[in-house]
Amino acid sequence: MTSKRSSHRDKGMNYPLRGILYLLTAPSMWGTVFCVVLLGFSVALLCVILLFAFALFPQAKAFGGQKWWSYVLAVMAVLFEAMLLALLLLKVVHSKCQKKIFVTTMELEGAWKPGMIEPSLAKDINCCRLGFFVKIITFPLNLIPVVGTFIFAFVNAPFEAWDLMDMYFDAIQMDDEAQVVEVTGGERAYCSMYASSEYVKFGFIAMLLESIPVVGPAFFSLSNACGAALWAVDMEARGGPSTQQPGSKTVALVPTAVAVAVTDHPII
């Protein structure tokens, strides 16, 4: 199975969609996908049932004394709480399966080299990272239909992209400061990368897909890992990330203090 190589600049926003198609046509990974989807649906359903049974009426009363509109708000709150609880419960399992799919995809493409290091779970279970707090703080935006979800995905886009592509960066033993330059493009104005970085475009689409209730965490989190692997394959075909290629003129314009502030690994 061979991915299409392109000589022009990568379009980050295409890779999450390519990951979906690739995963659906790769039978060797269907077992992993089936197990995670089944577990994801089961856990999500259990969370919804328990929260509706024990949290719906108390929250409806708290919102407005059990009037009709208080039940609407309570239902939205319960669904939000169920999604958040399911995400937390499935975090370790999903992370392990994401990494398995990432490595398997690169192996199928012939891009996984003997010297590469398999991604570790250590960073994923670290809840002290900036990206984790940003995601938790901005998660209530999903309660605002459509617009809130788009804002949530945009704000978290660089964190999501870095979280996925970090599997490749770690595999080639790329240090944190080099990752900062790679993902931000070496911009001094950190926020400017939101308008220019292909990583942000990649993370935005990936985050939108993962924000879809139930099926997002259960399936799209895996297809995004596959999409990240396909991007890594294309990078490897050109000699690695742009900042690591021989003769690269990219200069680490991000001050060391900023890099330290946003890393543990970098901004996620």
Protein backbone atom coordinates (compact mmCIF):
# COMPACT_ATOMS: atom_id res chain seq x y z
CA MET A 1 0.00 0.00 0.00
CA THR A 2 1.58 3.25 -1.11
CA SER A 3 0.50 6.81 -0.37
CA LYS A 4 0.65 9.46 -3.07
CA ARG A 5 3.74 11.59 -2.83
CA SER A 6 3.54 15.24 -3.80
CA SER A 7 6.34 17.53 -4.81
CA HIS A 8 4.48 20.67 -3.75
CA ARG A 9 4.09 21.91 -0.21
CA ASP A 10 2.03 19.65 2.02
CA LYS A 11 -1.55 20.73 2.61
CA GLY A 12 -2.02 19.91 6.27
CA MET A 13 -5.80 20.07 6.14
CA ASN A 14 -5.92 17.15 3.67
CA TYR A 15 -4.26 14.58 5.90
CA PRO A 16 -7.11 13.96 8.38
CA LEU A 17 -9.37 13.17 5.42
CA ARG A 18 -6.74 10.96 3.80
CA GLY A 19 -6.37 9.17 7.12
CA ILE A 20 -10.07 8.23 7.11
CA LEU A 21 -9.86 6.71 3.63
CA TYR A 22 -6.59 4.94 4.38
CA LEU A 23 -7.88 3.40 7.60
CA LEU A 24 -11.07 2.18 5.91
CA THR A 25 -9.01 0.43 3.22
CA ALA A 26 -6.36 -1.13 5.49
CA PRO A 27 -7.72 -4.49 6.76
CA SER A 28 -4.66 -5.11 8.94
CA MET A 29 -5.77 -2.26 11.23
CA TRP A 30 -9.49 -3.05 11.34
CA GLY A 31 -9.12 -5.21 14.45
CA THR A 32 -7.65 -2.33 16.43
CA VAL A 33 -10.29 0.07 15.12
CA PHE A 34 -13.14 -2.33 15.93
CA CYS A 35 -11.96 -2.87 19.50
CA VAL A 36 -11.53 0.85 20.16
CA VAL A 37 -14.85 1.79 18.54
CA LEU A 38 -16.68 -0.91 20.50
CA LEU A 39 -15.03 0.17 23.74
CA GLY A 40 -15.65 3.83 22.95
CA PHE A 41 -19.35 3.33 22.23
CA SER A 42 -19.76 1.16 25.34
CA VAL A 43 -18.06 3.63 27.66
CA ALA A 44 -19.86 6.63 26.11
CA LEU A 45 -23.23 4.89 26.38
CA LEU A 46 -22.57 3.91 29.99
CA CYS A 47 -21.59 7.49 30.86
CA VAL A 48 -24.73 8.88 29.20
CA ILE A 49 -27.02 6.41 30.97
CA LEU A 50 -25.49 7.00 34.40
CA LEU A 51 -25.46 10.79 34.08
CA PHE A 52 -29.02 10.93 32.76
CA ALA A 53 -30.13 8.70 35.62
CA PHE A 54 -28.37 10.59 38.42
CA ALA A 55 -27.53 14.09 37.17
CA LEU A 56 -30.35 15.23 34.86
CA PHE A 57 -33.01 16.16 37.44
CA PRO A 58 -30.64 17.84 39.93
CA GLN A 59 -29.16 19.96 37.13
CA ALA A 60 -32.58 20.84 35.70
CA LYS A 61 -33.61 22.02 39.18
CA ALA A 62 -30.39 24.02 39.53
CA PHE A 63 -30.82 25.68 36.11
CA GLY A 64 -34.38 26.91 36.62
CA GLY A 65 -36.58 25.00 39.00
CA GLN A 66 -37.45 22.20 36.56
CA LYS A 67 -39.09 24.41 33.91
CA TRP A 68 -39.05 23.16 30.30
CA TRP A 69 -36.06 25.25 29.29
CA SER A 70 -34.13 24.08 32.35
CA TYR A 71 -34.44 20.52 31.03
CA VAL A 72 -33.05 21.60 27.66
CA LEU A 73 -30.03 23.10 29.40
CA ALA A 74 -29.70 20.05 31.65
CA VAL A 75 -29.73 17.65 28.69
CA MET A 76 -27.02 19.69 26.94
CA ALA A 77 -24.97 19.76 30.14
CA VAL A 78 -25.34 16.00 30.68
CA LEU A 79 -24.24 15.24 27.10
CA PHE A 80 -21.24 17.53 27.53
CA GLU A 81 -20.34 15.90 30.86
CA ALA A 82 -20.73 12.42 29.39
CA MET A 83 -18.41 13.28 26.49
CA LEU A 84 -15.80 14.75 28.82
CA LEU A 85 -15.97 11.77 31.20
CA ALA A 86 -15.69 9.28 28.33
CA LEU A 87 -12.68 11.15 26.92
CA LEU A 88 -10.89 11.02 30.26
CA LEU A 89 -11.67 7.33 30.79
CA LEU A 90 -10.55 6.35 27.30
CA LYS A 91 -7.47 8.58 27.10
CA VAL A 92 -4.82 5.94 27.82
CA VAL A 93 -6.47 3.26 25.66
CA HIS A 94 -6.90 5.64 22.75
CA SER A 95 -3.35 6.92 23.02
CA LYS A 96 -1.94 3.39 22.89
CA CYS A 97 -4.07 2.49 19.87
CA GLN A 98 -3.23 5.77 18.12
CA LYS A 99 0.45 4.99 18.42
CA LYS A 100 -0.06 1.44 17.15
CA ILE A 101 -1.93 2.73 14.09
CA PHE A 102 0.69 5.43 13.49
CA VAL A 103 3.57 2.95 13.48
CA THR A 104 1.62 0.36 11.45
CA THR A 105 0.74 2.94 8.78
CA MET A 106 4.37 3.99 8.41
CA GLU A 107 5.40 0.33 8.23
CA LEU A 108 2.84 -0.37 5.49
CA GLU A 109 4.19 2.61 3.59
CA GLY A 110 7.78 1.39 4.00
CA ALA A 111 8.75 4.58 5.85
CA TRP A 112 9.38 3.17 9.33
CA LYS A 113 13.14 2.85 9.65
CA PRO A 114 15.10 0.58 12.04
CA GLY A 115 16.58 3.54 13.94
CA MET A 116 13.20 5.09 14.74
CA ILE A 117 11.85 4.99 18.30
CA GLU A 118 8.28 3.87 18.95
CA PRO A 119 6.15 6.62 20.54
CA SER A 120 5.82 6.52 24.33
CA LEU A 121 2.65 6.88 26.41
CA ALA A 122 4.45 8.94 29.05
CA LYS A 123 3.52 12.30 27.53
CA ASP A 124 -0.11 11.36 26.99
CA ILE A 125 -0.76 10.56 30.64
CA ASN A 126 0.86 13.83 31.72
CA CYS A 127 -2.07 16.09 32.66
CA CYS A 128 0.15 19.08 33.48
CA ARG A 129 0.68 20.11 29.87
CA LEU A 130 -0.56 23.46 28.58
CA GLY A 131 -2.56 21.82 25.78
CA PHE A 132 -4.47 19.64 28.25
CA PHE A 133 -5.54 22.67 30.30
CA VAL A 134 -6.50 24.67 27.20
CA LYS A 135 -8.68 21.81 25.98
CA ILE A 136 -10.42 21.45 29.35
CA ILE A 137 -10.96 25.21 29.74
CA THR A 138 -12.32 25.67 26.20
CA PHE A 139 -14.36 22.44 26.11
CA PRO A 140 -17.61 24.19 27.22
CA LEU A 141 -17.54 26.07 23.90
CA ASN A 142 -18.97 22.87 22.41
CA LEU A 143 -22.25 23.67 24.17
CA ILE A 144 -22.72 26.46 21.59
CA PRO A 145 -24.01 24.67 18.46
CA VAL A 146 -21.71 24.76 15.42
CA VAL A 147 -20.04 28.12 16.10
CA GLY A 148 -18.74 27.06 19.52
CA THR A 149 -17.33 23.83 18.12
CA PHE A 150 -15.51 25.70 15.34
CA ILE A 151 -14.00 28.13 17.86
CA PHE A 152 -12.98 25.21 20.10
CA ALA A 153 -11.31 23.44 17.18
CA PHE A 154 -9.49 26.59 16.06
CA VAL A 155 -8.13 27.45 19.51
CA ASN A 156 -6.92 23.89 20.07
CA ALA A 157 -5.65 23.30 16.52
CA PRO A 158 -1.89 23.75 17.19
CA PHE A 159 -2.07 21.61 20.31
CA GLU A 160 -3.91 18.83 18.47
CA ALA A 161 -1.53 18.93 15.50
CA TRP A 162 1.52 18.82 17.73
CA ASP A 163 0.05 16.02 19.80
CA LEU A 164 -0.38 13.91 16.64
CA MET A 165 2.84 14.81 14.84
CA ASP A 166 4.86 14.45 18.03
CA MET A 167 4.70 10.70 17.41
CA TYR A 168 6.85 11.28 14.33
CA PHE A 169 9.08 13.92 15.90
CA ASP A 170 9.87 11.61 18.80
CA ALA A 171 10.45 8.69 16.45
CA ILE A 172 13.24 10.64 14.70
CA GLN A 173 14.48 11.98 18.07
CA MET A 174 13.74 15.61 17.27
CA ASP A 175 14.32 17.81 20.32
CA ASP A 176 11.67 20.11 21.78
CA GLU A 177 13.18 23.38 20.59
CA ALA A 178 13.40 22.07 17.03
CA GLN A 179 9.76 21.04 17.28
CA VAL A 180 8.80 24.57 18.35
CA VAL A 181 10.45 25.98 15.23
CA GLU A 182 8.96 23.29 12.99
CA VAL A 183 5.36 23.75 14.12
CA THR A 184 5.34 27.53 14.58
CA GLY A 185 7.48 28.22 11.54
CA GLY A 186 9.91 30.11 13.78
CA GLU A 187 7.48 32.97 14.28
CA ARG A 188 8.31 35.42 17.04
CA ALA A 189 4.63 36.33 17.27
CA TYR A 190 3.31 32.98 18.45
CA CYS A 191 -0.31 33.76 17.47
CA SER A 192 0.68 34.47 13.86
CA MET A 193 1.06 30.77 13.20
CA TYR A 194 -2.73 30.45 13.39
CA ALA A 195 -2.91 32.15 10.01
CA SER A 196 0.08 30.57 8.31
CA SER A 197 0.95 27.14 9.70
CA GLU A 198 -0.06 23.98 7.85
CA TYR A 199 0.10 22.30 11.25
CA VAL A 200 -2.73 24.53 12.48
CA LYS A 201 -4.84 23.66 9.43
CA PHE A 202 -4.16 19.97 10.05
CA GLY A 203 -5.03 20.31 13.74
CA PHE A 204 -8.21 22.28 13.01
CA ILE A 205 -9.71 19.58 10.78
CA ALA A 206 -8.53 16.82 13.14
CA MET A 207 -10.07 18.59 16.15
CA LEU A 208 -13.37 19.16 14.33
CA LEU A 209 -13.59 15.46 13.54
CA GLU A 210 -12.78 14.45 17.12
CA SER A 211 -15.40 16.87 18.43
CA ILE A 212 -18.22 14.87 16.84
CA PRO A 213 -20.00 13.16 19.78
CA VAL A 214 -19.18 9.47 20.32
CA VAL A 215 -17.86 8.68 16.83
CA GLY A 216 -15.21 11.43 17.11
CA PRO A 217 -13.26 9.97 20.05
CA ALA A 218 -14.06 6.39 19.04
CA PHE A 219 -13.05 6.47 15.36
CA PHE A 220 -11.72 9.82 14.15
CA SER A 221 -9.05 9.93 16.87
CA LEU A 222 -7.62 6.82 15.19
CA SER A 223 -8.01 8.05 11.62
CA ASN A 224 -6.24 11.29 12.64
CA ALA A 225 -3.28 9.22 13.84
CA CYS A 226 -3.30 7.50 10.46
CA GLY A 227 -3.40 10.91 8.74
CA ALA A 228 -0.44 12.07 10.84
CA ALA A 229 1.48 8.97 9.77
CA LEU A 230 0.75 9.69 6.10
CA TRP A 231 2.10 13.21 6.55
CA ALA A 232 5.18 11.77 8.25
CA VAL A 233 5.61 9.38 5.30
CA ASP A 234 5.59 12.30 2.87
CA MET A 235 8.06 14.18 5.05
CA GLU A 236 10.38 11.17 5.15
CA ALA A 237 10.23 10.95 1.36
CA ARG A 238 11.68 14.46 1.21
CA GLY A 239 14.29 13.90 3.91
CA GLY A 240 12.34 14.71 7.07
CA PRO A 241 10.68 17.85 8.53
CA SER A 242 11.59 21.05 6.70
CA THR A 243 13.67 22.37 9.60
CA GLN A 244 15.72 19.16 9.71
CA GLN A 245 16.60 18.97 6.04
CA PRO A 246 20.18 19.72 4.95
CA GLY A 247 20.59 23.35 4.00
CA SER A 248 17.44 24.46 5.79
CA LYS A 249 17.47 28.23 6.33
CA THR A 250 14.85 28.15 9.06
CA VAL A 251 16.15 30.02 12.09
CA ALA A 252 14.89 29.37 15.60
CA LEU A 253 13.27 32.76 16.08
CA VAL A 254 11.21 31.63 19.07
CA PRO A 255 13.02 32.81 22.20
CA THR A 256 14.21 30.02 24.48
CA ALA A 257 12.11 31.39 27.35
CA VAL A 258 8.98 31.11 25.18
CA ALA A 259 9.91 27.59 24.12
CA VAL A 260 10.32 26.54 27.72
CA ALA A 261 7.04 28.17 28.71
CA VAL A 262 5.05 26.25 26.13
CA THR A 263 6.84 22.93 26.32
CA ASP A 264 6.83 19.79 28.27
CA HIS A 265 6.60 18.61 25.28
CA PRO A 266 6.29 21.94 23.50
CA ILE A 267 2.76 23.32 23.55
CA ILE A 268 0.68 20.27 24.18
